[in-house]
Protein backbone atom coordinates (compact mmCIF):
# COMPACT_ATOMS: atom_id res chain seq x y z
CA UNK A 1 121.12 46.71 111.95
CA UNK A 2 117.79 47.66 110.47
CA UNK A 3 116.74 49.16 113.82
CA UNK A 4 119.95 51.19 113.88
CA UNK A 5 119.19 52.58 110.44
CA UNK A 6 115.68 53.58 111.47
CA UNK A 7 117.01 55.34 114.60
CA UNK A 8 119.61 57.19 112.54
CA UNK A 9 116.99 58.36 110.07
CA UNK A 10 114.76 59.52 112.91
CA UNK A 11 117.64 61.45 114.46
CA UNK A 12 118.36 63.21 111.15
CA UNK A 13 114.68 64.18 110.81
CA UNK A 14 114.65 65.66 114.31
CA UNK A 15 117.77 67.73 113.57
CA UNK A 16 116.26 69.00 110.32
CA UNK A 17 113.04 69.97 112.10
CA UNK A 18 114.93 71.90 114.75
CA UNK A 19 116.93 73.78 112.10
CA UNK A 20 113.74 74.56 110.17
CA UNK A 21 111.70 75.90 113.08
CA UNK A 22 114.50 77.44 115.14
CA UNK A 23 117.21 79.00 112.96
CA UNK A 24 120.65 78.03 114.17
CA UNK A 25 123.05 79.93 116.33
CA UNK A 26 124.74 82.83 114.61
CA UNK A 27 128.10 84.34 115.34
CA UNK A 28 128.59 87.31 117.63
CA UNK A 29 128.51 89.54 114.58
CA UNK A 30 125.94 92.30 115.25
CA UNK A 31 122.75 92.28 113.24
CA UNK A 32 122.51 95.49 111.23
CA UNK A 33 118.91 96.64 111.11
CA UNK A 34 117.13 99.41 109.25
CA UNK A 35 114.29 100.38 111.60
CA UNK A 36 111.35 102.22 110.01
CA UNK A 37 109.57 103.10 113.24
CA UNK A 38 110.58 104.83 116.44
CA UNK A 39 114.00 103.93 117.77
CA UNK A 40 112.85 103.76 121.39
CA UNK A 41 110.12 101.30 120.37
CA UNK A 42 112.68 99.20 118.51
CA UNK A 43 115.01 99.17 121.53
CA UNK A 44 112.28 97.63 123.69
CA UNK A 45 112.00 94.73 121.24
CA UNK A 46 115.66 94.40 120.36
CA UNK A 47 116.94 94.46 123.93
CA UNK A 48 114.56 91.62 124.76
CA UNK A 49 115.73 89.81 121.63
CA UNK A 50 119.37 90.27 122.62
CA UNK A 51 118.65 89.01 126.14
CA UNK A 52 116.91 85.89 124.82
CA UNK A 53 119.37 85.04 122.03
CA UNK A 54 122.66 86.73 122.93
CA UNK A 55 122.79 88.28 119.45
CA UNK A 56 124.02 91.91 119.42
CA UNK A 57 122.54 94.45 117.03
CA UNK A 58 123.06 97.85 115.46
CA UNK A 59 120.06 100.07 114.69
CA UNK A 60 119.92 102.56 111.84
CA UNK A 61 116.71 104.58 112.12
CA UNK A 62 115.25 105.70 108.79
CA UNK A 63 112.00 106.89 107.28
CA UNK A 64 110.43 104.68 104.62
CA UNK A 65 111.52 107.01 101.82
CA UNK A 66 115.11 107.09 103.08
CA UNK A 67 115.28 103.31 103.32
CA UNK A 68 113.89 102.94 99.81
CA UNK A 69 116.50 105.36 98.46
CA UNK A 70 119.41 103.74 100.29
CA UNK A 71 118.52 100.17 99.38
CA UNK A 72 117.25 100.69 95.84
CA UNK A 73 118.93 103.78 94.41
CA UNK A 74 122.24 103.60 96.28
CA UNK A 75 122.22 99.79 96.39
CA UNK A 76 123.33 99.92 100.03
CA UNK A 77 124.88 96.67 101.28
CA UNK A 78 125.79 95.29 104.69
CA UNK A 79 122.28 95.52 106.12
CA UNK A 80 120.62 92.35 107.40
CA UNK A 81 116.99 93.19 108.21
CA UNK A 82 114.43 95.84 107.34
CA UNK A 83 112.21 96.13 110.41
CA UNK A 84 108.90 97.94 110.06
CA UNK A 85 107.71 100.41 107.49
CA UNK A 86 104.69 99.99 105.19
CA UNK A 87 104.59 96.75 103.22
CA UNK A 88 104.85 98.57 99.88
CA UNK A 89 108.49 99.31 100.76
CA UNK A 90 109.11 95.59 101.24
CA UNK A 91 107.23 94.90 97.99
CA UNK A 92 109.66 97.22 96.21
CA UNK A 93 112.59 95.34 97.70
CA UNK A 94 111.04 92.01 96.70
CA UNK A 95 110.44 93.19 93.12
CA UNK A 96 114.04 94.36 92.89
CA UNK A 97 115.40 90.97 93.97
CA UNK A 98 116.72 92.32 97.29
CA UNK A 99 115.02 89.86 99.66
CA UNK A 100 115.18 86.18 100.56
CA UNK A 101 112.18 84.02 101.29
CA UNK A 102 111.57 83.11 104.90
CA UNK A 103 108.34 81.87 106.46
CA UNK A 104 108.69 81.50 110.23
CA UNK A 105 106.41 79.03 111.96
CA UNK A 106 103.98 81.70 113.22
CA UNK A 107 103.24 82.89 109.69
CA UNK A 108 100.62 80.14 109.38
CA UNK A 109 98.57 82.00 112.01
CA UNK A 110 98.82 85.41 110.31
CA UNK A 111 95.94 86.36 107.96
CA UNK A 112 96.88 86.45 104.27
CA UNK A 113 96.27 90.20 103.98
CA UNK A 114 99.10 90.81 106.45
CA UNK A 115 101.84 88.84 104.67
CA UNK A 116 103.42 88.20 101.28
CA UNK A 117 102.06 85.02 99.73
CA UNK A 118 105.56 84.19 98.48
CA UNK A 119 107.08 84.66 101.97
CA UNK A 120 109.46 87.48 101.07
CA UNK A 121 108.04 89.67 103.86
CA UNK A 122 105.75 89.15 106.81
CA UNK A 123 103.62 91.74 108.60
CA UNK A 124 104.43 92.40 112.24
CA UNK A 125 101.84 95.11 113.00
CA UNK A 126 98.92 96.95 111.39
CA UNK A 127 97.96 100.62 111.71
CA UNK A 128 95.35 102.94 110.13
CA UNK A 129 95.81 106.49 108.92
CA UNK A 130 93.93 108.99 111.06
CA UNK A 131 93.26 112.69 111.40
CA UNK A 132 94.73 113.81 114.71
CA UNK A 133 93.60 116.99 116.48
CA UNK A 134 95.18 118.73 119.45
CA UNK A 135 91.98 119.49 121.34
CA UNK A 136 93.58 122.15 123.53
CA UNK A 137 94.93 124.07 120.53
CA UNK A 138 91.58 123.68 118.76
CA UNK A 139 89.53 125.02 121.67
CA UNK A 140 91.88 127.95 122.29
CA UNK A 141 91.80 129.10 118.65
CA UNK A 142 88.88 131.55 118.18
CA UNK A 143 88.53 130.55 114.52
CA UNK A 144 88.33 126.83 115.31
CA UNK A 145 86.62 126.53 118.69
CA UNK A 146 83.08 126.63 117.26
CA UNK A 147 83.82 124.22 114.39
CA UNK A 148 83.27 120.45 114.58
CA UNK A 149 86.42 118.35 114.67
CA UNK A 150 87.49 117.11 111.21
CA UNK A 151 86.37 113.62 110.22
CA UNK A 152 87.21 113.62 106.49
CA UNK A 153 90.30 114.76 104.59
CA UNK A 154 88.20 117.48 102.96
CA UNK A 155 87.40 118.92 106.40
CA UNK A 156 91.07 119.90 106.66
CA UNK A 157 90.62 122.24 103.69
CA UNK A 158 88.46 124.69 105.65
CA UNK A 159 89.88 128.22 105.29
CA UNK A 160 90.05 128.54 109.10
CA UNK A 161 92.68 125.76 109.11
CA UNK A 162 95.06 127.42 106.64
CA UNK A 163 98.59 127.17 108.03
CA UNK A 164 97.40 125.12 111.00
CA UNK A 165 97.63 121.56 109.67
CA UNK A 166 100.45 119.28 108.63
CA UNK A 167 100.94 116.19 106.50
CA UNK A 168 104.12 114.16 105.94
CA UNK A 169 105.87 114.40 102.56
CA UNK A 170 104.92 111.45 100.30
CA UNK A 171 108.45 111.38 98.84
CA UNK A 172 110.30 110.96 102.12
CA UNK A 173 107.70 109.40 104.40
CA UNK A 174 106.06 106.00 104.23
CA UNK A 175 103.09 107.58 106.02
CA UNK A 176 102.82 110.31 103.40
CA UNK A 177 103.05 107.83 100.56
CA UNK A 178 100.38 105.61 102.14
CA UNK A 179 98.11 108.69 102.23
CA UNK A 180 98.70 109.45 98.55
CA UNK A 181 98.61 105.85 97.32
CA UNK A 182 95.48 104.88 99.23
CA UNK A 183 93.53 107.88 97.92
CA UNK A 184 94.81 107.05 94.42
CA UNK A 185 93.48 103.52 94.71
CA UNK A 186 90.13 104.78 95.95
CA UNK A 187 89.60 107.80 93.65
CA UNK A 188 92.22 107.61 90.89
CA UNK A 189 95.65 109.19 90.68
CA UNK A 190 94.56 112.61 89.40
CA UNK A 191 92.01 113.10 92.17
CA UNK A 192 94.50 111.89 94.78
CA UNK A 193 97.19 114.30 93.66
CA UNK A 194 94.69 117.18 93.57
CA UNK A 195 93.46 116.45 97.11
CA UNK A 196 96.88 115.87 98.69
CA UNK A 197 98.34 118.93 96.94
CA UNK A 198 95.41 120.94 98.36
CA UNK A 199 96.23 119.58 101.82
CA UNK A 200 99.86 120.53 101.29
CA UNK A 201 98.81 124.10 100.44
CA UNK A 202 97.04 124.24 103.81
CA UNK A 203 100.22 123.26 105.66
CA UNK A 204 102.72 125.58 107.24
CA UNK A 205 105.22 122.90 106.21
CA UNK A 206 105.30 119.22 105.28
CA UNK A 207 107.31 116.96 107.55
CA UNK A 208 110.02 114.45 106.69
CA UNK A 209 108.29 111.58 108.51
CA UNK A 210 104.90 110.71 109.98
CA UNK A 211 106.09 110.67 113.57
CA UNK A 212 107.36 114.26 113.16
CA UNK A 213 103.81 115.39 112.38
CA UNK A 214 102.48 113.61 115.47
CA UNK A 215 105.23 115.19 117.60
CA UNK A 216 104.44 118.69 116.36
CA UNK A 217 100.75 118.05 116.99
CA UNK A 218 101.44 117.00 120.58
CA UNK A 219 103.63 120.07 121.14
CA UNK A 220 100.82 122.33 119.97
CA UNK A 221 102.66 123.64 116.91
CA UNK A 222 99.73 122.67 114.66
CA UNK A 223 96.04 122.04 115.28
CA UNK A 224 95.60 118.93 113.12
CA UNK A 225 97.66 116.36 111.19
CA UNK A 226 97.32 113.23 109.12
CA UNK A 227 99.52 110.40 110.38
CA UNK A 228 99.28 106.80 111.49
CA UNK A 229 96.98 106.50 114.47
CA UNK A 230 99.56 104.64 116.53
CA UNK A 231 101.85 107.69 116.51
CA UNK A 232 98.98 109.85 117.76
CA UNK A 233 97.93 107.38 120.46
CA UNK A 234 101.51 107.18 121.66
CA UNK A 235 101.32 110.85 122.67
CA UNK A 236 97.76 110.57 123.93
CA UNK A 237 98.93 107.80 126.26
CA UNK A 238 101.54 110.23 127.59
CA UNK A 239 98.85 112.71 128.59
CA UNK A 240 98.47 114.92 125.52
CA UNK A 241 94.91 115.94 124.56
CA UNK A 242 94.86 114.34 121.12
CA UNK A 243 91.67 113.23 119.37
CA UNK A 244 92.00 110.70 116.53
CA UNK A 245 89.47 109.95 113.79
CA UNK A 246 89.81 107.50 110.91
CA UNK A 247 88.49 109.14 107.71
CA UNK A 248 86.12 107.14 105.48
CA UNK A 249 88.01 104.73 103.21
CA UNK A 250 91.31 105.58 104.90
CA UNK A 251 94.57 103.92 103.96
CA UNK A 252 96.40 101.64 106.32
CA UNK A 253 99.79 100.05 106.71
CA UNK A 254 101.06 96.62 107.47
CA UNK A 255 104.43 97.20 109.06
CA UNK A 256 106.54 94.36 107.73
CA UNK A 257 109.84 92.66 108.40
CA UNK A 258 112.12 91.20 105.73
CA UNK A 259 115.63 89.80 105.31
CA UNK A 260 117.96 91.25 102.70
CA UNK A 261 119.61 88.91 100.24
CA UNK A 262 123.04 90.47 100.86
CA UNK A 263 122.77 89.96 104.62
CA UNK A 264 125.99 88.74 106.25
CA UNK A 265 124.11 87.12 109.13
CA UNK A 266 121.08 85.32 107.76
CA UNK A 267 120.87 82.90 110.68
CA UNK A 268 120.64 85.79 113.15
CA UNK A 269 118.22 87.62 110.85
CA UNK A 270 115.89 84.60 110.82
CA UNK A 271 116.00 84.46 114.59
CA UNK A 272 114.99 88.12 114.73
CA UNK A 273 112.04 87.61 112.36
CA UNK A 274 110.92 84.60 114.37
CA UNK A 275 111.18 86.66 117.57
CA UNK A 276 109.25 89.77 116.42
CA UNK A 277 106.37 87.55 115.29
CA UNK A 278 106.12 85.81 118.65
CA UNK A 279 103.03 86.48 120.75
CA UNK A 280 105.16 88.07 123.48
CA UNK A 281 106.90 90.51 121.11
CA UNK A 282 103.62 91.34 119.36
CA UNK A 283 102.06 92.25 122.70
CA UNK A 284 105.07 94.30 123.79
CA UNK A 285 105.08 96.24 120.52
CA UNK A 286 101.34 96.94 120.69
CA UNK A 287 101.74 98.35 124.20
CA UNK A 288 104.56 100.70 123.19
CA UNK A 289 103.58 101.67 119.63
CA UNK A 290 99.76 101.31 119.82
CA UNK A 291 99.55 99.44 116.54
CA UNK A 292 97.41 96.35 116.08
CA UNK A 293 99.15 92.95 116.28
CA UNK A 294 98.89 90.70 113.24
CA UNK A 295 98.53 87.55 115.32
CA UNK A 296 94.90 86.86 116.25
CA UNK A 297 93.51 86.57 119.78
CA UNK A 298 95.82 89.13 121.41
CA UNK A 299 93.79 91.37 123.70
CA UNK A 300 93.80 94.92 122.37
CA UNK A 301 95.28 97.76 124.40
CA UNK A 302 92.49 99.90 125.94
CA UNK A 303 93.32 102.79 123.58
CA UNK A 304 92.82 100.45 120.61
CA UNK A 305 89.74 98.63 121.88
CA UNK A 306 87.25 101.23 120.62
CA UNK A 307 88.93 101.88 117.24
CA UNK A 308 86.55 101.21 114.33
CA UNK A 309 88.53 99.59 111.53
CA UNK A 310 85.42 99.36 109.35
CA UNK A 311 86.28 102.87 108.12
CA UNK A 312 89.35 101.58 106.29
CA UNK A 313 89.69 101.06 102.54
CA UNK A 314 89.30 97.27 102.36
CA UNK A 315 90.71 96.98 98.84
CA UNK A 316 93.99 98.80 99.53
CA UNK A 317 96.82 96.78 97.96
CA UNK A 318 100.48 97.14 98.82
CA UNK A 319 101.68 95.51 95.59
CA UNK A 320 99.88 98.15 93.52
CA UNK A 321 101.22 100.92 95.76
CA UNK A 322 104.75 99.59 95.18
CA UNK A 323 104.30 99.04 91.43
CA UNK A 324 102.93 102.56 90.82
CA UNK A 325 105.24 104.39 93.23
CA UNK A 326 107.59 106.06 90.73
CA UNK A 327 104.76 106.97 88.37
CA UNK A 328 102.62 108.40 91.17
CA UNK A 329 105.46 110.36 92.77
CA UNK A 330 106.48 111.65 89.33
CA UNK A 331 102.98 113.09 88.88
CA UNK A 332 103.14 114.45 92.43
CA UNK A 333 106.38 116.32 91.70
CA UNK A 334 105.03 117.73 88.44
CA UNK A 335 101.89 119.00 90.18
CA UNK A 336 103.98 120.78 92.80
CA UNK A 337 106.16 122.65 90.34
C-alpha cells in the first residue's frame, strides 16, 4: 500500500513537470499575434511553429508605436502574443498590467540584460542602431563622393546631406523611439531632442517605421538612414550596396515576446514563446532577420561576425525608456511645433 502511494506521488510529480516545461495542448483556435518585425520573417518562424505544434495563427503586422496605441490607448482585446518590438514596448505593457508572467525553460540560459527579471517578457533577439549608407548613391552624388562615410549622428548634419537622409518617426516607430530615448539617456533629454530634431530637418521625410527607411535606402531614394542594423543587412544580403556603421554610444533593442493577460489561448501562447526561444528558432530568425540571438553559443551569421558591439551604449535601460516615453515624446512634439 505504501509502495502504491509512493508510485502515485511520483506519477503526479512527473505530470506536473511535463505541464510546467511543455505547456499543454491548446484548442484549434488560432493564436492572434501582433508582430513588430517583418511579416515575411515572422512567417518563417510561425509556419515552422504550426508544423511542429499544429496550432494555427493569425498575424497582425504593426510598428511599435501602433501596437502601443492599440494595446494601451484603445485597450485592444483578443490578442494573445506580442512578438518582437523593442523591450520598452513590453515594459509599457507590463507597467499597465497587460501581461502575464511566463518563464520558459530556456530563459535560464538568457543573460539578464535580455529579459525581464520578473518574467513578464523575454528577449528573443538583439539588434543595434546603425547609420546605413547606399554606397552607389553616395559615390554617384558629386556633393558626397569626396566625403568620408558618416560614422556619428552629427556627420549626418553636413549641409551636403540636406534632403538626402531619413530617420523613422519616434512617435510611430520603435526604431525612432529607440534613437531618441538612447540619446536622451546618454546626453539628457534636451540635447537628444535638439539632435534628433536637427536630423529630422535634414530629412526629405520621416518614415512610419524603421524598415521603411531601410527599404528606401536600398532603393536609392536616400543616401543615408538611421535604422536597426538587421534591417540594413537584410538588404545587403540581397545584393544591395549598403554600408553599416554603429555610431559611438548607439542605442540598441532587445526584441521581446510577451503574453497578454486577456489572451484567449494562453496554452498556445506559452507554446509559441517556448518555441521562439528554442535554439533552432533563434538560428532561423538570425539567418532571415540578421539580428543577434539572445541564447549564447549560436554561431553568428557571416554578416554579423565582424560587427563591433563595443560601440553600443552599455547603460541603455528599457525600463527608463518606457517610464519616460510620454514625457519625452511630449517634449519632442513641442519642439517640432
